[in-house]
């Protein structure tokens, strides 16, 4: 399901449960501002390349808008809009005085050199600098971006507005970043896992985990689960997937990935199909990557006819998930129909 359609569907359900007025419901779904910019940069080989950047500012009723910037090939307006909306509800539910925003550039950061990423980030900042700020909209790292990206945004923004370290979060410690920020999301995932398991009289120790996504969030969640005695038996990322029924040595895997940039050729587990991870036998499944990875296409496909159904029925996976618990570390990893 389209990310925006899925988010709107969930919001409308919540709105009905809360008894919100229909006019209020509609106004809350409409974003405050949508920004689209073309970012043209010289590549290292001297050629020019253009990338499309977005910043969707959804709602500022409760304070400055807040949300990440992601660099990924699948960044497009509906996805960014959905993520901005989710930030609005997330800050409100947690009673943090911020609104919601999200941004991104449609690119593959793995295909760009560090200098190309810097030029792209600076051009993007030049195009949106007058629409972000400490009292307006505060970006943060997300998929494909990190503390270095935030440092470039801070530096470029400061050329126009003077030194403004609070314009981004997730920046390096030396530039005023927060201690513990890098591990914060993964640590929050572990706290949520502990809270859910406690309701069922269980704890992390001795439980088996499948973790989809081994970037910032997934790697920190894996590390902390491993430290608490949990057994991570399957992990995957864009480079591949591994399984070990006896538990993967996470500290060793982290060293391997840092050295090679990949999960491949790690000798502490067997390779597996990344798509299999979501339906792998485990106690707790933690999707930490893209949205919409747990899906149920059957009802849509059946409606569209048998030929289409044959083409897509093999893609649906919700009915095949064997995990007893799912902890959603990614943004909207479960489609509404799969949720049901």
Protein backbone atom coordinates (compact mmCIF):
# COMPACT_ATOMS: atom_id res chain seq x y z
CA UNK A 1 0.00 0.00 0.00
CA UNK A 2 1.17 3.53 -0.78
CA UNK A 3 2.83 4.97 2.36
CA UNK A 4 0.58 8.05 2.49
CA UNK A 5 -2.59 6.01 1.95
CA UNK A 6 -1.55 3.65 4.75
CA UNK A 7 -0.78 6.50 7.17
CA UNK A 8 -4.03 8.32 6.33
CA UNK A 9 -6.00 5.11 6.84
CA UNK A 10 -4.49 4.57 10.29
CA UNK A 11 -5.07 8.21 11.23
CA UNK A 12 -8.73 8.09 10.16
CA UNK A 13 -9.23 4.98 12.30
CA UNK A 14 -7.64 6.75 15.30
CA UNK A 15 -9.74 9.84 14.57
CA UNK A 16 -12.95 7.80 14.69
CA UNK A 17 -11.88 6.13 17.94
CA UNK A 18 -11.19 9.57 19.44
CA UNK A 19 -14.45 11.01 18.09
CA UNK A 20 -12.72 13.89 16.27
CA UNK A 21 -14.84 16.32 14.28
CA UNK A 22 -14.65 15.56 10.53
CA UNK A 23 -13.44 19.10 9.70
CA UNK A 24 -10.68 18.83 12.29
CA UNK A 25 -9.74 15.40 10.94
CA UNK A 26 -9.43 16.77 7.41
CA UNK A 27 -7.39 19.81 8.48
CA UNK A 28 -4.98 17.59 10.43
CA UNK A 29 -4.28 15.52 7.30
CA UNK A 30 -3.31 18.53 5.19
CA UNK A 31 0.41 19.45 5.46
CA UNK A 32 1.44 22.99 6.41
CA UNK A 33 3.98 23.27 3.57
CA UNK A 34 5.47 21.07 0.85
CA UNK A 35 8.91 21.96 -0.56
CA UNK A 36 10.48 20.44 -3.67
CA UNK A 37 13.90 21.55 -4.94
CA UNK A 38 16.22 20.54 -7.76
CA UNK A 39 19.80 20.05 -6.53
CA UNK A 40 22.40 20.15 -9.32
CA UNK A 41 26.00 19.36 -8.39
CA UNK A 42 29.29 18.73 -10.22
CA UNK A 43 30.31 15.07 -9.88
CA UNK A 44 33.93 14.15 -9.20
CA UNK A 45 34.41 13.38 -12.89
CA UNK A 46 33.33 16.90 -13.90
CA UNK A 47 29.84 15.99 -15.17
CA UNK A 48 26.70 17.56 -13.72
CA UNK A 49 24.03 15.54 -11.92
CA UNK A 50 20.62 16.65 -10.64
CA UNK A 51 18.79 15.19 -7.66
CA UNK A 52 15.32 16.05 -6.38
CA UNK A 53 15.03 17.02 -2.72
CA UNK A 54 11.92 17.34 -0.56
CA UNK A 55 10.97 18.81 2.79
CA UNK A 56 7.40 18.32 3.95
CA UNK A 57 6.42 20.42 6.96
CA UNK A 58 3.26 18.85 8.28
CA UNK A 59 2.16 20.65 11.45
CA UNK A 60 3.56 23.29 13.82
CA UNK A 61 0.62 23.70 16.20
CA UNK A 62 2.56 22.23 19.14
CA UNK A 63 5.98 23.76 18.43
CA UNK A 64 8.79 23.80 15.85
CA UNK A 65 8.51 21.03 13.28
CA UNK A 66 10.97 18.17 13.67
CA UNK A 67 12.02 15.23 11.54
CA UNK A 68 14.77 13.42 9.71
CA UNK A 69 16.31 13.79 6.27
CA UNK A 70 16.87 10.55 4.36
CA UNK A 71 19.01 9.84 1.30
CA UNK A 72 17.51 6.89 -0.56
CA UNK A 73 16.59 6.03 -4.16
CA UNK A 74 12.92 5.57 -3.23
CA UNK A 75 12.44 9.01 -1.67
CA UNK A 76 9.31 10.53 -3.23
CA UNK A 77 6.61 13.03 -2.12
CA UNK A 78 4.01 10.58 -0.79
CA UNK A 79 6.54 8.72 1.33
CA UNK A 80 8.00 11.95 2.77
CA UNK A 81 4.48 13.27 3.40
CA UNK A 82 3.56 10.09 5.30
CA UNK A 83 6.73 10.25 7.40
CA UNK A 84 6.15 13.95 8.21
CA UNK A 85 2.63 13.12 9.36
CA UNK A 86 3.92 10.27 11.53
CA UNK A 87 6.36 12.70 13.17
CA UNK A 88 3.43 14.96 14.10
CA UNK A 89 1.56 12.11 15.80
CA UNK A 90 4.74 10.73 17.41
CA UNK A 91 5.74 13.99 19.10
CA UNK A 92 2.14 14.58 20.21
CA UNK A 93 1.67 11.07 21.67
CA UNK A 94 4.99 11.37 23.53
CA UNK A 95 3.96 14.90 24.68
CA UNK A 96 7.11 16.52 23.29
CA UNK A 97 6.57 20.17 22.25
CA UNK A 98 7.35 19.74 18.54
CA UNK A 99 5.43 19.38 15.31
CA UNK A 100 6.18 17.01 12.46
CA UNK A 101 8.33 17.30 9.33
CA UNK A 102 10.42 15.04 7.12
CA UNK A 103 12.79 15.46 4.21
CA UNK A 104 14.87 13.56 1.77
CA UNK A 105 16.80 13.45 -1.48
CA UNK A 106 16.21 10.81 -4.12
CA UNK A 107 19.71 9.37 -4.47
CA UNK A 108 21.75 6.30 -3.60
CA UNK A 109 24.36 7.51 -1.08
CA UNK A 110 26.43 4.36 -1.70
CA UNK A 111 26.99 5.53 -5.29
CA UNK A 112 28.27 8.98 -4.25
CA UNK A 113 31.71 9.89 -2.93
CA UNK A 114 32.06 11.79 0.34
CA UNK A 115 32.79 15.04 -1.53
CA UNK A 116 29.74 14.51 -3.77
CA UNK A 117 27.54 13.90 -0.71
CA UNK A 118 28.88 17.09 0.86
CA UNK A 119 28.15 19.15 -2.26
CA UNK A 120 24.65 17.66 -2.53
CA UNK A 121 23.90 18.36 1.15
CA UNK A 122 25.15 21.93 0.91
CA UNK A 123 23.12 22.69 -2.24
CA UNK A 124 20.01 21.20 -0.62
CA UNK A 125 20.59 23.36 2.46
CA UNK A 126 21.05 26.48 0.30
CA UNK A 127 17.66 25.82 -1.30
CA UNK A 128 15.74 25.36 1.99
CA UNK A 129 17.74 27.44 4.52
CA UNK A 130 15.10 30.16 4.80
CA UNK A 131 12.38 27.58 5.55
CA UNK A 132 14.13 25.74 8.41
CA UNK A 133 15.44 27.06 11.72
CA UNK A 134 15.51 26.57 15.48
CA UNK A 135 11.97 27.96 15.94
CA UNK A 136 10.62 26.68 12.62
CA UNK A 137 11.84 23.23 11.57
CA UNK A 138 14.76 21.20 12.94
CA UNK A 139 16.14 18.41 10.70
CA UNK A 140 17.80 15.23 11.98
CA UNK A 141 19.59 12.18 10.53
CA UNK A 142 17.57 9.36 8.98
CA UNK A 143 18.21 6.51 6.57
CA UNK A 144 21.34 7.20 4.51
CA UNK A 145 22.39 10.26 6.54
CA UNK A 146 24.43 10.65 9.72
CA UNK A 147 26.20 13.09 12.04
CA UNK A 148 28.49 14.21 9.20
CA UNK A 149 25.47 15.13 7.06
CA UNK A 150 24.09 17.20 9.94
CA UNK A 151 27.48 18.94 10.33
CA UNK A 152 27.36 20.01 6.66
CA UNK A 153 23.80 21.32 7.06
CA UNK A 154 24.77 23.22 10.22
CA UNK A 155 27.81 24.77 8.53
CA UNK A 156 25.93 25.76 5.38
CA UNK A 157 22.94 27.13 7.31
CA UNK A 158 25.29 29.17 9.51
CA UNK A 159 26.68 30.97 6.43
CA UNK A 160 23.25 32.57 6.01
CA UNK A 161 22.08 32.92 9.62
CA UNK A 162 25.19 33.00 11.81
CA UNK A 163 26.38 30.09 13.97
CA UNK A 164 23.22 28.12 14.83
CA UNK A 165 24.11 24.73 16.36
CA UNK A 166 20.47 24.04 17.33
CA UNK A 167 19.28 24.03 13.70
CA UNK A 168 19.89 20.26 13.51
CA UNK A 169 19.97 17.38 15.96
CA UNK A 170 22.15 14.30 15.59
CA UNK A 171 25.27 16.38 14.87
CA UNK A 172 28.77 15.45 16.09
CA UNK A 173 29.50 15.89 19.81
CA UNK A 174 32.22 18.44 18.98
CA UNK A 175 29.61 20.67 17.34
CA UNK A 176 27.18 20.50 20.25
CA UNK A 177 25.58 17.12 19.64
CA UNK A 178 24.03 15.05 22.43
CA UNK A 179 25.88 12.22 24.14
CA UNK A 180 24.06 8.97 23.44
CA UNK A 181 22.26 10.29 20.35
CA UNK A 182 23.78 7.73 17.99
CA UNK A 183 22.47 4.82 20.06
CA UNK A 184 19.21 6.51 21.12
CA UNK A 185 16.78 5.01 18.59
CA UNK A 186 18.16 1.48 18.93
CA UNK A 187 18.10 1.83 22.72
CA UNK A 188 14.48 3.00 22.56
CA UNK A 189 13.64 -0.09 20.52
CA UNK A 190 15.14 -2.26 23.26
CA UNK A 191 13.16 -0.41 25.98
CA UNK A 192 9.96 -0.96 23.96
CA UNK A 193 10.83 -4.64 23.55
CA UNK A 194 11.43 -5.03 27.30
CA UNK A 195 8.12 -3.31 28.10
CA UNK A 196 6.13 -5.52 25.70
CA UNK A 197 7.79 -8.75 26.83
CA UNK A 198 7.25 -7.84 30.50
CA UNK A 199 3.49 -7.74 29.87
CA UNK A 200 3.75 -11.43 28.97
CA UNK A 201 6.04 -12.31 31.89
CA UNK A 202 9.07 -12.62 29.62
CA UNK A 203 12.42 -10.87 29.24
CA UNK A 204 14.99 -10.40 26.48
CA UNK A 205 17.35 -12.98 27.96
CA UNK A 206 17.00 -16.30 26.17
CA UNK A 207 14.57 -15.04 23.52
CA UNK A 208 15.42 -15.33 19.81
CA UNK A 209 15.41 -12.26 17.54
CA UNK A 210 15.30 -11.59 13.81
CA UNK A 211 16.47 -8.10 12.86
CA UNK A 212 15.79 -6.70 9.39
CA UNK A 213 18.10 -3.76 8.74
CA UNK A 214 21.60 -3.45 10.20
CA UNK A 215 22.12 0.29 9.90
CA UNK A 216 22.20 2.67 12.85
CA UNK A 217 18.98 1.46 14.50
CA UNK A 218 19.32 -2.26 13.78
CA UNK A 219 22.98 -2.51 14.72
CA UNK A 220 22.49 -0.73 18.05
CA UNK A 221 19.37 -2.75 18.87
CA UNK A 222 21.29 -5.95 18.04
CA UNK A 223 24.24 -4.93 20.20
CA UNK A 224 22.07 -4.07 23.21
CA UNK A 225 19.91 -7.20 22.85
CA UNK A 226 23.10 -9.30 22.67
CA UNK A 227 24.41 -7.60 25.84
CA UNK A 228 21.15 -8.40 27.65
CA UNK A 229 21.40 -12.11 26.81
CA UNK A 230 19.04 -12.16 23.85
CA UNK A 231 19.92 -14.43 20.94
CA UNK A 232 20.00 -12.64 17.56
CA UNK A 233 19.58 -15.56 15.13
CA UNK A 234 19.05 -13.65 11.86
CA UNK A 235 20.05 -10.22 10.51
CA UNK A 236 19.86 -8.58 7.10
CA UNK A 237 20.69 -5.34 5.35
CA UNK A 238 21.09 -4.08 1.79
CA UNK A 239 24.27 -6.19 1.37
CA UNK A 240 22.76 -9.56 2.34
CA UNK A 241 21.42 -11.66 5.21
CA UNK A 242 22.79 -14.09 7.80
CA UNK A 243 21.34 -16.72 10.10
CA UNK A 244 22.74 -18.79 12.96
CA UNK A 245 20.31 -20.80 15.13
CA UNK A 246 22.83 -20.69 18.00
CA UNK A 247 22.97 -16.88 17.91
CA UNK A 248 25.17 -14.51 15.91
CA UNK A 249 28.20 -12.99 17.66
CA UNK A 250 27.05 -9.37 17.26
CA UNK A 251 30.29 -7.64 18.42
CA UNK A 252 32.23 -9.69 15.84
CA UNK A 253 29.65 -8.95 13.13
CA UNK A 254 29.90 -5.22 13.88
CA UNK A 255 33.70 -5.41 13.48
CA UNK A 256 33.28 -7.31 10.22
CA UNK A 257 30.80 -4.79 8.81
CA UNK A 258 32.99 -1.84 9.83
CA UNK A 259 35.98 -3.44 8.11
CA UNK A 260 34.23 -4.61 4.93
CA UNK A 261 31.06 -2.48 4.69
CA UNK A 262 29.03 -5.66 4.21
CA UNK A 263 27.45 -8.64 5.97
CA UNK A 264 28.79 -10.94 3.27
CA UNK A 265 31.63 -13.39 3.98
CA UNK A 266 31.08 -13.25 7.76
CA UNK A 267 32.01 -16.71 9.01
CA UNK A 268 29.78 -16.63 12.09
CA UNK A 269 26.59 -17.51 10.22
CA UNK A 270 25.10 -18.92 7.03
CA UNK A 271 23.84 -16.69 4.24
CA UNK A 272 20.10 -16.58 3.60
CA UNK A 273 17.61 -14.88 1.30
CA UNK A 274 16.96 -11.39 2.80
CA UNK A 275 13.21 -11.81 2.09
CA UNK A 276 13.20 -14.96 4.22
CA UNK A 277 14.22 -13.03 7.32
CA UNK A 278 10.74 -11.56 7.82
CA UNK A 279 9.20 -15.04 7.97
CA UNK A 280 12.11 -16.75 9.75
CA UNK A 281 11.31 -18.70 12.91
CA UNK A 282 12.03 -16.46 15.93
CA UNK A 283 10.38 -15.09 19.06
CA UNK A 284 10.72 -11.40 18.19
CA UNK A 285 10.90 -9.80 14.74
CA UNK A 286 12.28 -6.26 14.54
CA UNK A 287 11.96 -4.53 11.13
CA UNK A 288 14.49 -1.65 11.15
CA UNK A 289 14.59 -0.74 7.44
CA UNK A 290 12.02 0.53 4.94
CA UNK A 291 8.27 0.93 5.35
CA UNK A 292 5.66 -1.50 4.04
CA UNK A 293 7.83 -4.62 4.28
CA UNK A 294 5.11 -6.64 6.02
CA UNK A 295 2.22 -6.74 3.62
CA UNK A 296 -0.96 -8.49 2.60
CA UNK A 297 -1.70 -8.06 -1.09
CA UNK A 298 -4.13 -10.94 -1.49
CA UNK A 299 -7.40 -9.02 -1.15
CA UNK A 300 -6.27 -6.36 -3.63
CA UNK A 301 -4.88 -8.91 -6.07
CA UNK A 302 -7.99 -11.08 -5.96
CA UNK A 303 -10.10 -8.03 -6.75
CA UNK A 304 -7.95 -7.23 -9.79
CA UNK A 305 -8.19 -10.72 -11.27
CA UNK A 306 -6.43 -14.10 -11.36
CA UNK A 307 -3.51 -13.13 -13.62
CA UNK A 308 -2.53 -10.22 -11.40
CA UNK A 309 -3.11 -12.36 -8.32
CA UNK A 310 -0.65 -14.98 -9.55
CA UNK A 311 1.94 -12.26 -10.13
CA UNK A 312 1.76 -10.78 -6.65
CA UNK A 313 0.48 -13.42 -4.25
CA UNK A 314 4.00 -14.71 -3.68
CA UNK A 315 5.01 -11.24 -2.45
CA UNK A 316 2.63 -11.07 0.50
CA UNK A 317 4.15 -12.28 3.74
CA UNK A 318 1.98 -11.22 6.70
CA UNK A 319 0.32 -14.63 7.04
CA UNK A 320 3.71 -16.36 7.05
CA UNK A 321 5.32 -14.37 9.90
CA UNK A 322 6.27 -16.87 12.60
CA UNK A 323 7.47 -14.40 15.24
CA UNK A 324 5.34 -14.13 18.37
CA UNK A 325 6.07 -10.41 18.72
CA UNK A 326 6.85 -7.64 16.22
CA UNK A 327 8.65 -4.48 17.36
CA UNK A 328 8.34 -1.76 14.70
CA UNK A 329 11.68 0.06 14.62
CA UNK A 330 11.22 1.30 11.04
CA UNK A 331 8.61 3.88 10.09
CA UNK A 332 5.31 2.11 9.21
CA UNK A 333 6.89 -1.25 8.29
CA UNK A 334 3.47 -2.97 8.44
CA UNK A 335 0.75 -2.17 5.92
CA UNK A 336 -2.72 -1.68 7.50
CA UNK A 337 -4.14 -4.83 5.86
CA UNK A 338 -1.15 -6.83 7.12
CA UNK A 339 -1.64 -5.26 10.55
CA UNK A 340 -5.16 -6.66 10.70
